[in-house]
N, C-alpha and C. Protein backbone atom coordinates (compact mmCIF):
# COMPACT_ATOMS: atom_id res chain seq x y z
N MET A 1 11.82 4.23 -33.37
CA MET A 1 12.78 4.20 -32.27
C MET A 1 12.42 5.22 -31.20
N LYS A 2 11.93 6.39 -31.62
CA LYS A 2 11.55 7.41 -30.65
C LYS A 2 10.35 6.96 -29.83
N CYS A 3 9.47 6.23 -30.45
CA CYS A 3 8.28 5.76 -29.76
C CYS A 3 8.64 4.82 -28.62
N LYS A 4 9.63 3.96 -28.82
CA LYS A 4 10.06 3.03 -27.79
C LYS A 4 10.69 3.78 -26.62
N LYS A 5 11.50 4.78 -26.93
CA LYS A 5 12.15 5.56 -25.87
C LYS A 5 11.12 6.35 -25.07
N LEU A 6 10.14 6.91 -25.74
CA LEU A 6 9.10 7.66 -25.06
C LEU A 6 8.26 6.74 -24.18
N THR A 7 7.94 5.58 -24.69
CA THR A 7 7.17 4.61 -23.90
C THR A 7 7.96 4.16 -22.67
N ALA A 8 9.24 3.90 -22.84
CA ALA A 8 10.08 3.49 -21.72
C ALA A 8 10.17 4.61 -20.68
N LEU A 9 10.29 5.84 -21.13
CA LEU A 9 10.37 6.98 -20.21
C LEU A 9 9.07 7.15 -19.43
N LEU A 10 7.94 7.03 -20.11
CA LEU A 10 6.65 7.17 -19.44
C LEU A 10 6.41 6.04 -18.44
N LEU A 11 6.76 4.82 -18.81
CA LEU A 11 6.60 3.70 -17.89
C LEU A 11 7.52 3.83 -16.68
N THR A 12 8.73 4.32 -16.90
CA THR A 12 9.65 4.54 -15.79
C THR A 12 9.11 5.60 -14.84
N ALA A 13 8.57 6.67 -15.40
CA ALA A 13 7.99 7.73 -14.56
C ALA A 13 6.79 7.21 -13.78
N ALA A 14 5.97 6.39 -14.40
CA ALA A 14 4.79 5.84 -13.72
C ALA A 14 5.20 4.89 -12.59
N MET A 15 6.20 4.06 -12.83
CA MET A 15 6.67 3.14 -11.79
C MET A 15 7.31 3.91 -10.63
N THR A 16 8.08 4.94 -10.94
CA THR A 16 8.71 5.74 -9.89
C THR A 16 7.65 6.44 -9.04
N ALA A 17 6.64 6.99 -9.70
CA ALA A 17 5.56 7.66 -8.96
C ALA A 17 4.81 6.67 -8.07
N SER A 18 4.56 5.47 -8.56
CA SER A 18 3.83 4.49 -7.75
C SER A 18 4.65 4.03 -6.56
N VAL A 19 5.96 3.92 -6.72
CA VAL A 19 6.81 3.54 -5.59
C VAL A 19 6.82 4.64 -4.55
N LEU A 20 6.91 5.88 -4.98
CA LEU A 20 6.93 7.00 -4.04
C LEU A 20 5.60 7.13 -3.30
N VAL A 21 4.50 6.92 -4.00
CA VAL A 21 3.20 7.01 -3.35
C VAL A 21 2.98 5.83 -2.41
N GLY A 22 3.37 4.66 -2.83
CA GLY A 22 3.14 3.46 -2.02
C GLY A 22 4.06 3.35 -0.82
N CYS A 23 5.30 3.75 -0.96
CA CYS A 23 6.27 3.59 0.13
C CYS A 23 6.54 4.87 0.88
N GLY A 24 6.16 5.98 0.34
CA GLY A 24 6.47 7.24 0.99
C GLY A 24 5.40 7.76 1.89
N GLY A 25 4.31 7.02 2.04
CA GLY A 25 3.21 7.47 2.88
C GLY A 25 3.54 7.38 4.35
N GLN A 26 2.81 8.13 5.15
CA GLN A 26 3.02 8.12 6.58
C GLN A 26 2.23 6.97 7.18
N ASP A 27 2.89 6.16 7.98
CA ASP A 27 2.24 5.01 8.61
C ASP A 27 1.54 5.48 9.87
N ASN A 28 0.22 5.40 9.86
CA ASN A 28 -0.57 5.82 11.00
C ASN A 28 -1.29 4.60 11.55
N GLY A 29 -0.53 3.70 12.15
CA GLY A 29 -1.08 2.44 12.63
C GLY A 29 -1.64 2.51 14.03
N GLY A 30 -2.02 3.68 14.50
CA GLY A 30 -2.61 3.80 15.81
C GLY A 30 -1.61 4.09 16.92
N THR A 31 -0.35 4.23 16.59
CA THR A 31 0.64 4.54 17.60
C THR A 31 0.94 6.03 17.55
N THR A 32 1.36 6.56 18.69
CA THR A 32 1.66 7.99 18.75
C THR A 32 3.09 8.27 18.36
N GLY A 33 3.92 7.27 18.30
CA GLY A 33 5.31 7.46 17.91
C GLY A 33 6.21 7.71 19.10
N GLY A 34 5.65 7.93 20.27
CA GLY A 34 6.45 8.18 21.46
C GLY A 34 6.76 6.89 22.18
N SER A 35 7.69 6.97 23.12
CA SER A 35 8.04 5.78 23.89
C SER A 35 7.16 5.62 25.11
N GLU A 36 6.44 6.68 25.49
CA GLU A 36 5.56 6.60 26.66
C GLU A 36 4.16 6.18 26.21
N PRO A 37 3.47 5.41 27.06
CA PRO A 37 2.11 5.02 26.69
C PRO A 37 1.16 6.22 26.69
N ALA A 38 0.16 6.17 25.89
CA ALA A 38 -0.80 7.27 25.80
C ALA A 38 -1.65 7.31 27.06
N GLU A 39 -2.00 8.52 27.49
CA GLU A 39 -2.82 8.66 28.68
C GLU A 39 -4.28 8.36 28.35
N THR A 40 -4.96 7.74 29.30
CA THR A 40 -6.39 7.48 29.12
C THR A 40 -7.16 8.60 29.80
N PRO A 41 -8.31 8.95 29.30
CA PRO A 41 -9.09 10.02 29.93
C PRO A 41 -9.50 9.64 31.36
N GLY A 42 -9.17 10.50 32.32
CA GLY A 42 -9.52 10.25 33.71
C GLY A 42 -8.67 9.18 34.36
N GLY A 43 -7.60 8.79 33.74
CA GLY A 43 -6.78 7.72 34.28
C GLY A 43 -5.56 8.22 35.01
N GLY A 44 -5.64 9.38 35.66
CA GLY A 44 -4.51 9.94 36.37
C GLY A 44 -4.21 9.18 37.65
N ALA A 45 -3.04 9.44 38.22
CA ALA A 45 -2.62 8.77 39.46
C ALA A 45 -3.48 9.29 40.61
N LYS A 46 -3.81 8.40 41.54
CA LYS A 46 -4.62 8.78 42.69
C LYS A 46 -3.82 8.74 43.96
């Protein structure tokens, strides 16, 4: 009976860790996160 409880606890910990690693990461999809567009080099107003 103890073996089943230990196995269930370990599997629960592994699933929780995988969810946190998979869903808790920072999304860096190429956006700066701001509402203003990024400036281009040398693209200032003339």
